[in-house]
Protein backbone atom coordinates (compact mmCIF):
# COMPACT_ATOMS: atom_id res chain seq x y z
CA MET A 1 14.35 -80.70 -68.83
CA GLN A 2 17.84 -82.08 -69.35
CA GLU A 3 20.48 -81.24 -66.74
CA LYS A 4 23.86 -79.80 -67.62
CA SER A 5 26.42 -82.42 -68.60
CA ILE A 6 28.97 -83.58 -66.03
CA ILE A 7 31.66 -81.84 -68.09
CA LYS A 8 29.88 -78.47 -67.89
CA GLN A 9 29.21 -78.95 -64.19
CA ASN A 10 32.90 -79.71 -63.63
CA ILE A 11 34.02 -76.72 -65.70
CA LEU A 12 31.75 -74.47 -63.63
CA THR A 13 33.19 -76.00 -60.44
CA TYR A 14 36.72 -75.34 -61.69
CA LEU A 15 35.88 -71.74 -62.63
CA ARG A 16 34.46 -71.13 -59.12
CA TYR A 17 37.59 -72.72 -57.67
CA LYS A 18 39.81 -70.37 -59.72
CA GLY A 19 37.56 -67.36 -59.14
CA LEU A 20 37.08 -66.81 -62.88
CA THR A 21 34.03 -65.16 -64.41
CA LEU A 22 32.18 -66.68 -67.34
CA TYR A 23 33.05 -63.59 -69.38
CA LYS A 24 36.79 -64.11 -68.80
CA PHE A 25 36.45 -67.84 -69.45
CA TYR A 26 34.76 -67.34 -72.83
CA LYS A 27 37.12 -64.52 -73.80
CA ASP A 28 40.31 -66.41 -72.90
CA THR A 29 39.40 -69.84 -74.26
CA GLY A 30 37.59 -68.82 -77.45
CA ILE A 31 34.64 -71.01 -76.49
CA THR A 32 31.35 -69.54 -77.72
CA ARG A 33 29.61 -67.40 -75.12
CA GLY A 34 26.69 -69.13 -73.41
CA VAL A 35 27.85 -72.72 -73.98
CA LEU A 36 28.11 -73.47 -70.26
CA THR A 37 24.61 -72.22 -69.47
CA GLN A 38 22.87 -74.42 -72.04
CA ASN A 39 21.30 -77.65 -70.80
CA ASN A 40 22.95 -80.03 -73.23
CA GLY A 41 26.25 -81.78 -73.73
CA MET A 42 29.65 -80.28 -74.38
CA SER A 43 31.20 -80.63 -77.83
CA GLU A 44 34.51 -82.41 -78.27
CA ASP A 45 35.98 -79.22 -79.74
CA ASN A 46 35.01 -77.11 -76.71
CA THR A 47 36.20 -79.78 -74.29
CA THR A 48 39.57 -79.85 -76.09
CA LYS A 49 39.79 -76.04 -75.98
CA PHE A 50 39.14 -76.14 -72.23
CA LEU A 51 41.78 -78.79 -71.56
CA ASP A 52 44.31 -77.02 -73.79
CA TYR A 53 43.82 -73.71 -72.00
CA PHE A 54 43.57 -75.13 -68.48
CA ALA A 55 46.29 -77.78 -68.70
CA GLU A 56 46.37 -78.26 -64.91
CA VAL A 57 42.89 -79.86 -64.96
CA SER A 58 42.78 -83.64 -64.90
CA PRO A 59 40.95 -84.94 -68.00
CA GLU A 60 39.62 -87.90 -65.98
CA TRP A 61 38.07 -85.55 -63.42
CA LEU A 62 36.66 -83.31 -66.12
CA LEU A 63 34.98 -86.18 -67.97
CA THR A 64 33.89 -88.37 -65.05
CA GLY A 65 34.21 -86.38 -61.83
CA LYS A 66 36.51 -89.07 -60.43
CA GLY A 67 39.97 -88.46 -59.06
CA PRO A 68 41.54 -85.12 -58.17
CA MET A 69 40.51 -82.01 -60.09
CA LEU A 70 44.12 -80.99 -60.72
CA LYS A 71 46.89 -83.08 -62.22
CA GLY A 72 49.54 -84.21 -59.77
CA VAL A 73 47.35 -83.89 -56.67
CA VAL A 74 47.68 -86.93 -54.43
CA VAL A 75 44.70 -87.90 -52.29
CA ASP A 76 45.84 -89.72 -49.16
CA GLN A 77 44.20 -92.89 -47.82
CA CYS A 78 42.23 -91.17 -45.03
CA SER A 79 40.38 -88.96 -47.54
CA VAL A 80 39.03 -91.75 -49.73
CA VAL A 81 35.28 -91.49 -50.11
CA GLU A 82 33.04 -94.21 -51.54
CA GLU A 83 32.68 -93.78 -55.29
CA SER A 84 28.90 -94.07 -54.95
CA ASP A 85 28.89 -90.61 -53.37
CA SER A 86 30.82 -88.75 -56.06
CA THR A 87 29.37 -85.36 -55.06
CA VAL A 88 30.79 -85.61 -51.55
CA GLY A 89 34.06 -86.93 -52.95
CA MET A 90 34.29 -84.07 -55.41
CA GLN A 91 33.53 -81.53 -52.67
CA LEU A 92 36.16 -83.10 -50.42
CA ARG A 93 38.79 -82.96 -53.16
CA PHE A 94 37.82 -79.37 -53.93
CA LEU A 95 38.23 -78.43 -50.26
CA GLN A 96 41.58 -80.25 -49.99
CA GLU A 97 42.92 -78.51 -53.09
CA ASN A 98 41.58 -75.16 -51.92
CA ASN A 99 43.25 -75.76 -48.54
CA ASP A 100 46.57 -76.46 -50.28
CA LEU A 101 46.26 -73.23 -52.26
CA LEU A 102 45.43 -71.25 -49.13
CA ARG A 103 48.46 -72.70 -47.36
CA ALA A 104 50.64 -71.59 -50.28
CA LYS A 105 49.12 -68.10 -50.14
CA VAL A 106 49.81 -67.89 -46.39
CA LEU A 107 53.45 -68.79 -47.04
CA LEU A 108 53.71 -66.05 -49.69
CA LEU A 109 52.12 -63.51 -47.36
CA GLU A 110 54.56 -64.45 -44.62
CA GLU A 111 57.48 -64.03 -47.02
CA ASN A 112 56.14 -60.60 -48.03
CA ARG A 113 55.75 -59.64 -44.37
CA LEU A 114 59.37 -60.54 -43.70
CA LEU A 115 60.54 -58.58 -46.75
CA LEU A 116 58.57 -55.55 -45.57
CA LEU A 117 60.04 -55.81 -42.08
CA ARG A 118 63.55 -55.94 -43.57
CA GLU A 119 62.78 -52.85 -45.65
CA ILE A 120 61.48 -51.00 -42.59
CA THR A 121 64.65 -51.92 -40.70
CA ARG A 122 66.79 -50.82 -43.64
CA LEU A 123 65.04 -47.46 -43.67
CA GLY A 124 65.88 -46.95 -40.02
CA GLY A 125 62.95 -48.69 -38.44
CA ASP A 126 60.85 -45.53 -38.41
CA MET A 127 57.35 -46.50 -39.51
CA GLU A 128 56.39 -42.84 -40.06
CA VAL A 129 59.21 -42.48 -42.61
CA VAL A 130 58.03 -45.61 -44.41
CA LEU A 131 54.41 -44.40 -44.46
CA SER A 132 55.33 -40.92 -45.66
CA LYS A 133 57.43 -42.38 -48.48
CA ALA A 134 54.55 -44.66 -49.45
CA GLU A 135 52.09 -41.74 -49.43
CA TRP A 136 54.54 -39.68 -51.51
CA SER A 137 54.89 -42.44 -54.12
CA VAL A 138 51.09 -42.81 -54.32
CA LYS A 139 50.68 -39.04 -54.84
CA ALA A 140 53.45 -39.04 -57.43
CA SER A 141 51.71 -41.77 -59.43
CA ASP A 142 48.39 -39.84 -59.53
């Protein structure tokens, strides 16, 4: 039985990385449903559709598994893994990129926390007032 092509394996890795379902992937890209689950190669047309829709993905990584998954990601010298172990290298790059995204999310959450604290202070610093206003707005939207 033939294994999935490297391109399909990489697309599935990218979809896991982005937290996208196969249904959403097929719907958004226009690629025929089921293509990624078949054990054969990936057509040039479908590969082009993927790269057009997900422009942040490095074509080199998609086709070969080498280099960073996303364009513009720099891998520093201490993270270089022997090319003979491309699976470990790919996993390392995935973890580094995921770590970068998590750091960005933490920064956004911290900014939101500060904005919420400012709003609480503006409203007089009374947390009960803030909560009752929030409950009122939720009830009003029901």
